[in-house]
Amino acid sequence: MSKKIVLVLCVLGMLPCLTAAKCSREHVQSVEMMNKCVEFHRRKLFPQAIRDCSKAVSLDPENEKAHHNLAMVYIETKEYEQAARHLQKAISLEGDIAIYHYRLGQVYQWMGQPDQAASALKRAIELDDALYKAHYRLGRVYEAMDDPQNALQKYTDTLERNPRFFEGYRELGSLYLDFEFTSQAEQVFNEGIKALEGRGEELAVLYHRKGTVLAAKKDYETAIKAFRSALELRPGMEDAMFSLGWSYSYVNPENAKIWLEKFVSSASQKTRPDYLAAAQARLTEIEVGTPYQ
């Protein structure tokens, strides 16, 4: 291959030609193998993607994008230690790219290393404060570290940066509910429902969570409306069927029986055993007329 062709390939490739070393034959071949890896990854052909990205980093160990792409494939195959190793290498070569630190924080979280995850995610935020998913994931890490105050702040930061991010509403409202701040939880879910109009699957979850808040406040009539809204969006939503039947049991035993029986009959191996046992016990109480509060 002539120097002229090598130069053209280097300019047109995914990595710019910044130095003479970057335009070496090995670098050009590394970019070519990385591009093949990315295509295999897109097609979910992970062994082929790992093969070609491994070749890419072997040909040019300083190709930090190849290390990052190889880490992304290892994340898909849940080989987190390998993913972390290549992300660390990418960061050592180019330390100011926020997404590298964010991905490393993800991997550390999945590896059960919250301190390292928090450190990586904080660095990602320092480099790009608009990276809302880094704020969100740091919130999840703070929850794992039993630091709910900072978790609440990070979920709030997430939604300030992306007011249409479903997971932010789900986790912020649920954390408020866990600590019995029911008014704040209800407000968060109401805001999420408004912000995510038209996104049925996600709205169903928020309606169900809103109903859970209302049931906790013993406002069963309004809770029933929220659970019904969830089921209109997701007719087979098991949690909503159970919650609807349970709430009906306080105001309308006949409707409670209908929905709890529907929940029990639709149960699968994924159904929560405690929900199933509770539904069956409540059905027995309805049959024998046992009073309950």
C-alpha atoms as a PDB file:
ATOM      1  CA  MET A   1       0.000   0.000   0.000  1.00  0.00           C
ATOM      2  CA  SER A   2       1.502   3.379  -1.037  1.00  0.00           C
ATOM      3  CA  LYS A   3       2.042   6.203   1.426  1.00  0.00           C
ATOM      4  CA  LYS A   4      -0.568   8.221  -0.457  1.00  0.00           C
ATOM      5  CA  ILE A   5      -3.230   5.518  -0.019  1.00  0.00           C
ATOM      6  CA  VAL A   6      -2.325   5.082   3.646  1.00  0.00           C
ATOM      7  CA  LEU A   7      -2.721   8.830   4.170  1.00  0.00           C
ATOM      8  CA  VAL A   8      -6.144   8.849   2.504  1.00  0.00           C
ATOM      9  CA  LEU A   9      -7.330   5.930   4.597  1.00  0.00           C
ATOM     10  CA  CYS A  10      -6.109   7.563   7.764  1.00  0.00           C
ATOM     11  CA  VAL A  11      -7.924  10.789   7.007  1.00  0.00           C
ATOM     12  CA  LEU A  12     -11.155   9.006   6.094  1.00  0.00           C
ATOM     13  CA  GLY A  13     -11.027   6.473   8.955  1.00  0.00           C
ATOM     14  CA  MET A  14     -12.747   6.796  12.296  1.00  0.00           C
ATOM     15  CA  LEU A  15      -9.512   7.963  13.981  1.00  0.00           C
ATOM     16  CA  PRO A  16      -7.885  11.125  12.618  1.00  0.00           C
ATOM     17  CA  CYS A  17      -4.296  11.107  11.468  1.00  0.00           C
ATOM     18  CA  LEU A  18      -2.622  13.382  13.997  1.00  0.00           C
ATOM     19  CA  THR A  19       0.996  12.161  13.912  1.00  0.00           C
ATOM     20  CA  ALA A  20       3.209  10.114  11.654  1.00  0.00           C
ATOM     21  CA  ALA A  21       2.774   7.167  14.032  1.00  0.00           C
ATOM     22  CA  LYS A  22      -0.991   7.446  13.688  1.00  0.00           C
ATOM     23  CA  CYS A  23      -0.628   6.971   9.944  1.00  0.00           C
ATOM     24  CA  SER A  24       1.365   3.747  10.214  1.00  0.00           C
ATOM     25  CA  ARG A  25       0.216   0.665   8.375  1.00  0.00           C
ATOM     26  CA  GLU A  26      -0.649  -0.922  11.745  1.00  0.00           C
ATOM     27  CA  HIS A  27      -2.811   2.011  12.723  1.00  0.00           C
ATOM     28  CA  VAL A  28      -4.738   1.931   9.457  1.00  0.00           C
ATOM     29  CA  GLN A  29      -5.282  -1.813   9.797  1.00  0.00           C
ATOM     30  CA  SER A  30      -6.349  -1.292  13.417  1.00  0.00           C
ATOM     31  CA  VAL A  31      -9.007   1.197  12.303  1.00  0.00           C
ATOM     32  CA  GLU A  32     -10.221  -1.206   9.633  1.00  0.00           C
ATOM     33  CA  MET A  33     -10.541  -4.065  12.145  1.00  0.00           C
ATOM     34  CA  MET A  34     -12.275  -1.767  14.631  1.00  0.00           C
ATOM     35  CA  ASN A  35     -14.828  -0.761  12.004  1.00  0.00           C
ATOM     36  CA  LYS A  36     -15.545  -4.434  11.332  1.00  0.00           C
ATOM     37  CA  CYS A  37     -15.891  -4.995  15.089  1.00  0.00           C
ATOM     38  CA  VAL A  38     -18.412  -2.154  15.363  1.00  0.00           C
ATOM     39  CA  GLU A  39     -20.475  -3.654  12.541  1.00  0.00           C
ATOM     40  CA  PHE A  40     -20.449  -7.116  14.130  1.00  0.00           C
ATOM     41  CA  HIS A  41     -21.426  -5.537  17.453  1.00  0.00           C
ATOM     42  CA  ARG A  42     -24.329  -3.744  15.787  1.00  0.00           C
ATOM     43  CA  ARG A  43     -25.494  -7.097  14.404  1.00  0.00           C
ATOM     44  CA  LYS A  44     -25.036  -8.699  17.869  1.00  0.00           C
ATOM     45  CA  LEU A  45     -22.405 -11.103  16.546  1.00  0.00           C
ATOM     46  CA  PHE A  46     -20.344 -10.804  19.699  1.00  0.00           C
ATOM     47  CA  PRO A  47     -17.637 -13.467  19.174  1.00  0.00           C
ATOM     48  CA  GLN A  48     -16.761 -11.933  15.808  1.00  0.00           C
ATOM     49  CA  ALA A  49     -16.816  -8.447  17.321  1.00  0.00           C
ATOM     50  CA  ILE A  50     -14.465  -9.499  20.134  1.00  0.00           C
ATOM     51  CA  ARG A  51     -12.153 -11.155  17.600  1.00  0.00           C
ATOM     52  CA  ASP A  52     -11.866  -8.068  15.412  1.00  0.00           C
ATOM     53  CA  CYS A  53     -11.604  -5.490  18.214  1.00  0.00           C
ATOM     54  CA  SER A  54      -8.936  -7.671  19.841  1.00  0.00           C
ATOM     55  CA  LYS A  55      -7.025  -7.596  16.566  1.00  0.00           C
ATOM     56  CA  ALA A  56      -7.487  -3.832  16.432  1.00  0.00           C
ATOM     57  CA  VAL A  57      -5.917  -3.241  19.857  1.00  0.00           C
ATOM     58  CA  SER A  58      -3.178  -5.747  19.090  1.00  0.00           C
ATOM     59  CA  LEU A  59      -2.273  -3.918  15.882  1.00  0.00           C
ATOM     60  CA  ASP A  60      -2.319  -0.525  17.590  1.00  0.00           C
ATOM     61  CA  PRO A  61      -2.351  -0.642  21.407  1.00  0.00           C
ATOM     62  CA  GLU A  62      -2.800   3.158  21.440  1.00  0.00           C
ATOM     63  CA  ASN A  63      -6.067   3.046  19.503  1.00  0.00           C
ATOM     64  CA  GLU A  64      -8.194   4.121  22.467  1.00  0.00           C
ATOM     65  CA  LYS A  65     -11.447   3.963  20.514  1.00  0.00           C
ATOM     66  CA  ALA A  66     -10.750   0.311  19.762  1.00  0.00           C
ATOM     67  CA  HIS A  67     -10.266  -0.347  23.489  1.00  0.00           C
ATOM     68  CA  HIS A  68     -13.566   1.407  24.187  1.00  0.00           C
ATOM     69  CA  ASN A  69     -15.407  -0.536  21.486  1.00  0.00           C
ATOM     70  CA  LEU A  70     -13.960  -3.812  22.741  1.00  0.00           C
ATOM     71  CA  ALA A  71     -15.128  -2.912  26.252  1.00  0.00           C
ATOM     72  CA  MET A  72     -18.616  -2.261  24.891  1.00  0.00           C
ATOM     73  CA  VAL A  73     -18.744  -5.775  23.453  1.00  0.00           C
ATOM     74  CA  TYR A  74     -17.517  -7.272  26.721  1.00  0.00           C
ATOM     75  CA  ILE A  75     -20.312  -5.363  28.496  1.00  0.00           C
ATOM     76  CA  GLU A  76     -22.813  -7.079  26.184  1.00  0.00           C
ATOM     77  CA  THR A  77     -21.357 -10.488  27.067  1.00  0.00           C
ATOM     78  CA  LYS A  78     -21.216  -9.547  30.785  1.00  0.00           C
ATOM     79  CA  GLU A  79     -17.451 -10.029  30.943  1.00  0.00           C
ATOM     80  CA  TYR A  80     -17.077  -7.038  33.197  1.00  0.00           C
ATOM     81  CA  GLU A  81     -13.490  -7.499  34.315  1.00  0.00           C
ATOM     82  CA  GLN A  82     -12.360  -7.516  30.684  1.00  0.00           C
ATOM     83  CA  ALA A  83     -14.561  -4.502  29.978  1.00  0.00           C
ATOM     84  CA  ALA A  84     -13.058  -2.595  32.911  1.00  0.00           C
ATOM     85  CA  ARG A  85      -9.522  -3.412  31.776  1.00  0.00           C
ATOM     86  CA  HIS A  86     -10.059  -1.991  28.306  1.00  0.00           C
ATOM     87  CA  LEU A  87     -11.918   1.068  29.582  1.00  0.00           C
ATOM     88  CA  GLN A  88      -9.038   1.764  31.960  1.00  0.00           C
ATOM     89  CA  LYS A  89      -6.660   1.504  29.013  1.00  0.00           C
ATOM     90  CA  ALA A  90      -8.790   3.868  26.918  1.00  0.00           C
ATOM     91  CA  ILE A  91      -8.798   6.373  29.796  1.00  0.00           C
ATOM     92  CA  SER A  92      -5.034   6.094  30.208  1.00  0.00           C
ATOM     93  CA  LEU A  93      -4.680   7.047  26.530  1.00  0.00           C
ATOM     94  CA  GLU A  94      -7.386   9.733  26.469  1.00  0.00           C
ATOM     95  CA  GLY A  95      -8.552  10.735  29.923  1.00  0.00           C
ATOM     96  CA  ASP A  96     -10.844  13.622  29.070  1.00  0.00           C
ATOM     97  CA  ILE A  97     -13.662  11.720  27.358  1.00  0.00           C
ATOM     98  CA  ALA A  98     -16.632  11.645  29.719  1.00  0.00           C
ATOM     99  CA  ILE A  99     -18.301   8.597  28.185  1.00  0.00           C
ATOM    100  CA  TYR A 100     -15.273   6.414  28.955  1.00  0.00           C
ATOM    101  CA  HIS A 101     -15.535   7.263  32.657  1.00  0.00           C
ATOM    102  CA  TYR A 102     -19.315   6.791  32.551  1.00  0.00           C
ATOM    103  CA  ARG A 103     -18.985   3.319  31.053  1.00  0.00           C
ATOM    104  CA  LEU A 104     -16.329   2.410  33.610  1.00  0.00           C
ATOM    105  CA  GLY A 105     -18.671   3.566  36.378  1.00  0.00           C
ATOM    106  CA  GLN A 106     -21.408   1.331  34.946  1.00  0.00           C
ATOM    107  CA  VAL A 107     -19.080  -1.647  34.899  1.00  0.00           C
ATOM    108  CA  TYR A 108     -17.893  -1.078  38.462  1.00  0.00           C
ATOM    109  CA  GLN A 109     -21.525  -0.835  39.576  1.00  0.00           C
ATOM    110  CA  TRP A 110     -22.346  -4.166  37.935  1.00  0.00           C
ATOM    111  CA  MET A 111     -19.248  -5.671  39.528  1.00  0.00           C
ATOM    112  CA  GLY A 112     -20.525  -4.641  42.973  1.00  0.00           C
ATOM    113  CA  GLN A 113     -17.801  -2.031  43.550  1.00  0.00           C
ATOM    114  CA  PRO A 114     -19.785   1.115  44.460  1.00  0.00           C
ATOM    115  CA  ASP A 115     -16.837   3.203  45.659  1.00  0.00           C
ATOM    116  CA  GLN A 116     -14.998   2.780  42.352  1.00  0.00           C
ATOM    117  CA  ALA A 117     -18.249   3.314  40.455  1.00  0.00           C
ATOM    118  CA  ALA A 118     -18.921   6.574  42.277  1.00  0.00           C
ATOM    119  CA  SER A 119     -15.409   7.831  41.577  1.00  0.00           C
ATOM    120  CA  ALA A 120     -15.668   7.098  37.856  1.00  0.00           C
ATOM    121  CA  LEU A 121     -19.151   8.611  37.541  1.00  0.00           C
ATOM    122  CA  LYS A 122     -18.138  11.773  39.385  1.00  0.00           C
ATOM    123  CA  ARG A 123     -15.258  12.182  36.934  1.00  0.00           C
ATOM    124  CA  ALA A 124     -17.652  11.728  34.016  1.00  0.00           C
ATOM    125  CA  ILE A 125     -19.863  14.499  35.438  1.00  0.00           C
ATOM    126  CA  GLU A 126     -16.857  16.777  35.944  1.00  0.00           C
ATOM    127  CA  LEU A 127     -16.042  16.368  32.263  1.00  0.00           C
ATOM    128  CA  ASP A 128     -19.636  16.699  31.024  1.00  0.00           C
ATOM    129  CA  ASP A 129     -22.212  17.925  33.513  1.00  0.00           C
ATOM    130  CA  ALA A 130     -24.972  17.518  30.890  1.00  0.00           C
ATOM    131  CA  LEU A 131     -24.441  13.737  30.830  1.00  0.00           C
ATOM    132  CA  TYR A 132     -27.729  13.027  32.604  1.00  0.00           C
ATOM    133  CA  LYS A 133     -27.293   9.267  32.660  1.00  0.00           C
ATOM    134  CA  ALA A 134     -24.135   9.689  34.730  1.00  0.00           C
ATOM    135  CA  HIS A 135     -26.146  11.641  37.328  1.00  0.00           C
ATOM    136  CA  TYR A 136     -28.827   8.939  37.272  1.00  0.00           C
ATOM    137  CA  ARG A 137     -26.392   6.067  37.646  1.00  0.00           C
ATOM    138  CA  LEU A 138     -24.560   7.863  40.434  1.00  0.00           C
ATOM    139  CA  GLY A 139     -27.931   8.076  42.186  1.00  0.00           C
ATOM    140  CA  ARG A 140     -28.282   4.309  41.875  1.00  0.00           C
ATOM    141  CA  VAL A 141     -24.794   3.871  43.289  1.00  0.00           C
ATOM    142  CA  TYR A 142     -25.594   6.157  46.224  1.00  0.00           C
ATOM    143  CA  GLU A 143     -28.654   4.002  46.959  1.00  0.00           C
ATOM    144  CA  ALA A 144     -26.402   0.930  47.018  1.00  0.00           C
ATOM    145  CA  MET A 145     -24.126   2.809  49.431  1.00  0.00           C
ATOM    146  CA  ASP A 146     -27.145   3.515  51.702  1.00  0.00           C
ATOM    147  CA  ASP A 147     -26.925   7.248  51.023  1.00  0.00           C
ATOM    148  CA  PRO A 148     -30.513   8.198  50.143  1.00  0.00           C
ATOM    149  CA  GLN A 149     -30.008  11.957  50.513  1.00  0.00           C
ATOM    150  CA  ASN A 150     -27.373  12.074  47.788  1.00  0.00           C
ATOM    151  CA  ALA A 151     -29.382   9.611  45.709  1.00  0.00           C
ATOM    152  CA  LEU A 152     -32.401  11.928  45.823  1.00  0.00           C
ATOM    153  CA  GLN A 153     -30.207  14.843  44.750  1.00  0.00           C
ATOM    154  CA  LYS A 154     -28.717  12.931  41.824  1.00  0.00           C
ATOM    155  CA  TYR A 155     -32.140  11.809  40.557  1.00  0.00           C
ATOM    156  CA  THR A 156     -33.289  15.429  40.794  1.00  0.00           C
ATOM    157  CA  ASP A 157     -30.176  16.513  38.869  1.00  0.00           C
ATOM    158  CA  THR A 158     -30.971  13.877  36.250  1.00  0.00           C
ATOM    159  CA  LEU A 159     -34.453  15.255  35.606  1.00  0.00           C
ATOM    160  CA  GLU A 160     -33.213  18.842  35.517  1.00  0.00           C
ATOM    161  CA  ARG A 161     -30.954  17.823  32.641  1.00  0.00           C
ATOM    162  CA  ASN A 162     -33.500  15.594  30.892  1.00  0.00           C
ATOM    163  CA  PRO A 163     -37.135  16.179  31.934  1.00  0.00           C
ATOM    164  CA  ARG A 164     -38.293  13.259  29.757  1.00  0.00           C
ATOM    165  CA  PHE A 165     -36.086  10.563  31.301  1.00  0.00           C
ATOM    166  CA  PHE A 166     -38.404   7.823  32.558  1.00  0.00           C
ATOM    167  CA  GLU A 167     -35.962   6.108  34.910  1.00  0.00           C
ATOM    168  CA  GLY A 168     -35.357   9.386  36.739  1.00  0.00           C
ATOM    169  CA  TYR A 169     -39.051   9.758  37.614  1.00  0.00           C
ATOM    170  CA  ARG A 170     -39.377   6.081  38.517  1.00  0.00           C
ATOM    171  CA  GLU A 171     -36.427   6.030  40.907  1.00  0.00           C
ATOM    172  CA  LEU A 172     -36.956   9.468  42.449  1.00  0.00           C
ATOM    173  CA  GLY A 173     -40.628   8.838  43.181  1.00  0.00           C
ATOM    174  CA  SER A 174     -39.980   5.325  44.458  1.00  0.00           C
ATOM    175  CA  LEU A 175     -37.243   6.504  46.805  1.00  0.00           C
ATOM    176  CA  TYR A 176     -39.525   9.168  48.238  1.00  0.00           C
ATOM    177  CA  LEU A 177     -42.175   6.470  48.731  1.00  0.00           C
ATOM    178  CA  ASP A 178     -39.693   4.148  50.462  1.00  0.00           C
ATOM    179  CA  PHE A 179     -39.141   6.853  53.081  1.00  0.00           C
ATOM    180  CA  GLU A 180     -42.890   7.585  53.314  1.00  0.00           C
ATOM    181  CA  PHE A 181     -42.655  11.035  51.755  1.00  0.00           C
ATOM    182  CA  THR A 182     -45.912  10.305  49.985  1.00  0.00           C
ATOM    183  CA  SER A 183     -46.746  13.846  48.889  1.00  0.00           C
ATOM    184  CA  GLN A 184     -43.365  14.261  47.212  1.00  0.00           C
ATOM    185  CA  ALA A 185     -43.638  10.830  45.616  1.00  0.00           C
ATOM    186  CA  GLU A 186     -47.088  11.601  44.222  1.00  0.00           C
ATOM    187  CA  GLN A 187     -45.845  14.923  42.832  1.00  0.00           C
ATOM    188  CA  VAL A 188     -42.914  13.230  41.069  1.00  0.00           C
ATOM    189  CA  PHE A 189     -45.139  10.591  39.469  1.00  0.00           C
ATOM    190  CA  ASN A 190     -47.653  13.244  38.376  1.00  0.00           C
ATOM    191  CA  GLU A 191     -44.871  15.254  36.749  1.00  0.00           C
ATOM    192  CA  GLY A 192     -43.558  12.124  35.046  1.00  0.00           C
ATOM    193  CA  ILE A 193     -46.995  11.242  33.702  1.00  0.00           C
ATOM    194  CA  LYS A 194     -47.285  14.706  32.156  1.00  0.00           C
ATOM    195  CA  ALA A 195     -43.753  14.667  30.750  1.00  0.00           C
ATOM    196  CA  LEU A 196     -44.000  11.198  29.177  1.00  0.00           C
ATOM    197  CA  GLU A 197     -47.355  11.554  27.453  1.00  0.00           C
ATOM    198  CA  GLY A 198     -47.670   9.031  24.637  1.00  0.00           C
ATOM    199  CA  ARG A 199     -45.047   6.607  25.997  1.00  0.00           C
ATOM    200  CA  GLY A 200     -47.444   3.835  27.029  1.00  0.00           C
ATOM    201  CA  GLU A 201     -45.192   1.211  28.615  1.00  0.00           C
ATOM    202  CA  GLU A 202     -43.392   3.760  30.743  1.00  0.00           C
ATOM    203  CA  LEU A 203     -46.584   5.600  31.644  1.00  0.00           C
ATOM    204  CA  ALA A 204     -48.110   2.335  32.867  1.00  0.00           C
ATOM    205  CA  VAL A 205     -45.282   1.973  35.388  1.00  0.00           C
ATOM    206  CA  LEU A 206     -45.701   5.543  36.624  1.00  0.00           C
ATOM    207  CA  TYR A 207     -49.470   5.169  36.934  1.00  0.00           C
ATOM    208  CA  HIS A 208     -48.931   1.993  38.954  1.00  0.00           C
ATOM    209  CA  ARG A 209     -46.406   3.711  41.211  1.00  0.00           C
ATOM    210  CA  LYS A 210     -48.807   6.649  41.649  1.00  0.00           C
ATOM    211  CA  GLY A 211     -51.568   4.208  42.611  1.00  0.00           C
ATOM    212  CA  THR A 212     -49.239   2.625  45.163  1.00  0.00           C
ATOM    213  CA  VAL A 213     -48.687   6.039  46.741  1.00  0.00           C
ATOM    214  CA  LEU A 214     -52.428   6.721  46.897  1.00  0.00           C
ATOM    215  CA  ALA A 215     -53.113   3.288  48.396  1.00  0.00           C
ATOM    216  CA  ALA A 216     -50.460   3.989  51.042  1.00  0.00           C
ATOM    217  CA  LYS A 217     -52.448   7.149  51.857  1.00  0.00           C
ATOM    218  CA  LYS A 218     -55.614   4.969  52.025  1.00  0.00           C
ATOM    219  CA  ASP A 219     -57.135   6.917  49.149  1.00  0.00           C
ATOM    220  CA  TYR A 220     -58.338   3.692  47.558  1.00  0.00           C
ATOM    221  CA  GLU A 221     -60.861   5.201  45.145  1.00  0.00           C
ATOM    222  CA  THR A 222     -58.243   7.404  43.499  1.00  0.00           C
ATOM    223  CA  ALA A 223     -55.687   4.592  43.636  1.00  0.00           C
ATOM    224  CA  ILE A 224     -58.118   2.367  41.733  1.00  0.00           C
ATOM    225  CA  LYS A 225     -58.310   4.977  38.958  1.00  0.00           C
ATOM    226  CA  ALA A 226     -54.506   5.045  38.701  1.00  0.00           C
ATOM    227  CA  PHE A 227     -54.235   1.246  38.577  1.00  0.00           C
ATOM    228  CA  ARG A 228     -56.943   1.119  35.901  1.00  0.00           C
ATOM    229  CA  SER A 229     -55.003   3.680  33.870  1.00  0.00           C
ATOM    230  CA  ALA A 230     -51.930   1.457  34.111  1.00  0.00           C
ATOM    231  CA  LEU A 231     -53.912  -1.556  32.902  1.00  0.00           C
ATOM    232  CA  GLU A 232     -55.405   0.382  30.003  1.00  0.00           C
ATOM    233  CA  LEU A 233     -51.865   0.977  28.815  1.00  0.00           C
ATOM    234  CA  ARG A 234     -50.585  -2.512  29.702  1.00  0.00           C
ATOM    235  CA  PRO A 235     -53.521  -4.939  30.016  1.00  0.00           C
ATOM    236  CA  GLY A 236     -51.382  -7.832  31.229  1.00  0.00           C
ATOM    237  CA  MET A 237     -49.453  -5.897  33.886  1.00  0.00           C
ATOM    238  CA  GLU A 238     -49.429  -8.321  36.812  1.00  0.00           C
ATOM    239  CA  ASP A 239     -48.446  -5.826  39.515  1.00  0.00           C
ATOM    240  CA  ALA A 240     -51.286  -3.521  38.500  1.00  0.00           C
ATOM    241  CA  MET A 241     -53.828  -6.377  38.521  1.00  0.00           C
ATOM    242  CA  PHE A 242     -52.766  -7.367  42.021  1.00  0.00           C
ATOM    243  CA  SER A 243     -52.753  -3.769  43.274  1.00  0.00           C
ATOM    244  CA  LEU A 244     -56.149  -3.070  41.712  1.00  0.00           C
ATOM    245  CA  GLY A 245     -57.692  -6.154  43.300  1.00  0.00           C
ATOM    246  CA  TRP A 246     -56.105  -5.368  46.658  1.00  0.00           C
ATOM    247  CA  SER A 247     -57.377  -1.772  46.633  1.00  0.00           C
ATOM    248  CA  TYR A 248     -60.849  -2.897  45.583  1.00  0.00           C
ATOM    249  CA  SER A 249     -60.919  -5.227  48.583  1.00  0.00           C
ATOM    250  CA  TYR A 250     -61.290  -2.176  50.836  1.00  0.00           C
ATOM    251  CA  VAL A 251     -64.217  -0.638  48.915  1.00  0.00           C
ATOM    252  CA  ASN A 252     -65.798  -3.263  46.653  1.00  0.00           C
ATOM    253  CA  PRO A 253     -65.206  -6.946  47.504  1.00  0.00           C
ATOM    254  CA  GLU A 254     -66.913  -8.214  44.356  1.00  0.00           C
ATOM    255  CA  ASN A 255     -64.593  -6.250  42.084  1.00  0.00           C
ATOM    256  CA  ALA A 256     -61.691  -7.290  44.293  1.00  0.00           C
ATOM    257  CA  LYS A 257     -62.575 -10.930  43.693  1.00  0.00           C
ATOM    258  CA  ILE A 258     -62.685 -10.396  39.912  1.00  0.00           C
ATOM    259  CA  TRP A 259     -59.247  -8.792  39.729  1.00  0.00           C
ATOM    260  CA  LEU A 260     -57.503 -10.987  42.281  1.00  0.00           C
ATOM    261  CA  GLU A 261     -58.779 -14.103  40.507  1.00  0.00           C
ATOM    262  CA  LYS A 262     -57.556 -12.655  37.206  1.00  0.00           C
ATOM    263  CA  PHE A 263     -54.162 -12.044  38.794  1.00  0.00           C
ATOM    264  CA  VAL A 264     -53.952 -15.569  40.221  1.00  0.00           C
ATOM    265  CA  SER A 265     -55.052 -17.211  36.958  1.00  0.00           C
ATOM    266  CA  SER A 266     -52.459 -15.280  34.946  1.00  0.00           C
ATOM    267  CA  ALA A 267     -49.594 -16.079  37.325  1.00  0.00           C
ATOM    268  CA  SER A 268     -46.404 -17.453  35.818  1.00  0.00           C
ATOM    269  CA  GLN A 269     -43.007 -18.539  37.087  1.00  0.00           C
ATOM    270  CA  LYS A 270     -42.020 -14.856  37.148  1.00  0.00           C
ATOM    271  CA  THR A 271     -44.898 -13.894  39.443  1.00  0.00           C
ATOM    272  CA  ARG A 272     -43.781 -12.810  42.901  1.00  0.00           C
ATOM    273  CA  PRO A 273     -44.627 -15.656  45.324  1.00  0.00           C
ATOM    274  CA  ASP A 274     -45.498 -13.222  48.124  1.00  0.00           C
ATOM    275  CA  TYR A 275     -48.002 -11.419  45.886  1.00  0.00           C
ATOM    276  CA  LEU A 276     -49.544 -14.716  44.835  1.00  0.00           C
ATOM    277  CA  ALA A 277     -49.868 -15.931  48.428  1.00  0.00           C
ATOM    278  CA  ALA A 278     -51.353 -12.600  49.529  1.00  0.00           C
ATOM    279  CA  ALA A 279     -53.901 -12.629  46.684  1.00  0.00           C
ATOM    280  CA  GLN A 280     -54.995 -16.166  47.516  1.00  0.00           C
ATOM    281  CA  ALA A 281     -55.307 -15.313  51.215  1.00  0.00           C
ATOM    282  CA  ARG A 282     -57.367 -12.217  50.447  1.00  0.00           C
ATOM    283  CA  LEU A 283     -59.658 -14.220  48.151  1.00  0.00           C
ATOM    284  CA  THR A 284     -60.266 -16.647  51.013  1.00  0.00           C
ATOM    285  CA  GLU A 285     -61.090 -13.749  53.325  1.00  0.00           C
ATOM    286  CA  ILE A 286     -63.571 -12.381  50.789  1.00  0.00           C
ATOM    287  CA  GLU A 287     -65.227 -15.800  50.413  1.00  0.00           C
ATOM    288  CA  VAL A 288     -65.712 -16.304  54.163  1.00  0.00           C
ATOM    289  CA  GLY A 289     -66.514 -12.667  54.844  1.00  0.00           C
ATOM    290  CA  THR A 290     -63.583 -12.063  57.201  1.00  0.00           C
ATOM    291  CA  PRO A 291     -63.316  -8.332  58.023  1.00  0.00           C
ATOM    292  CA  TYR A 292     -60.008  -6.623  57.470  1.00  0.00           C
ATOM    293  CA  GLN A 293     -58.590  -3.115  57.606  1.00  0.00           C
END
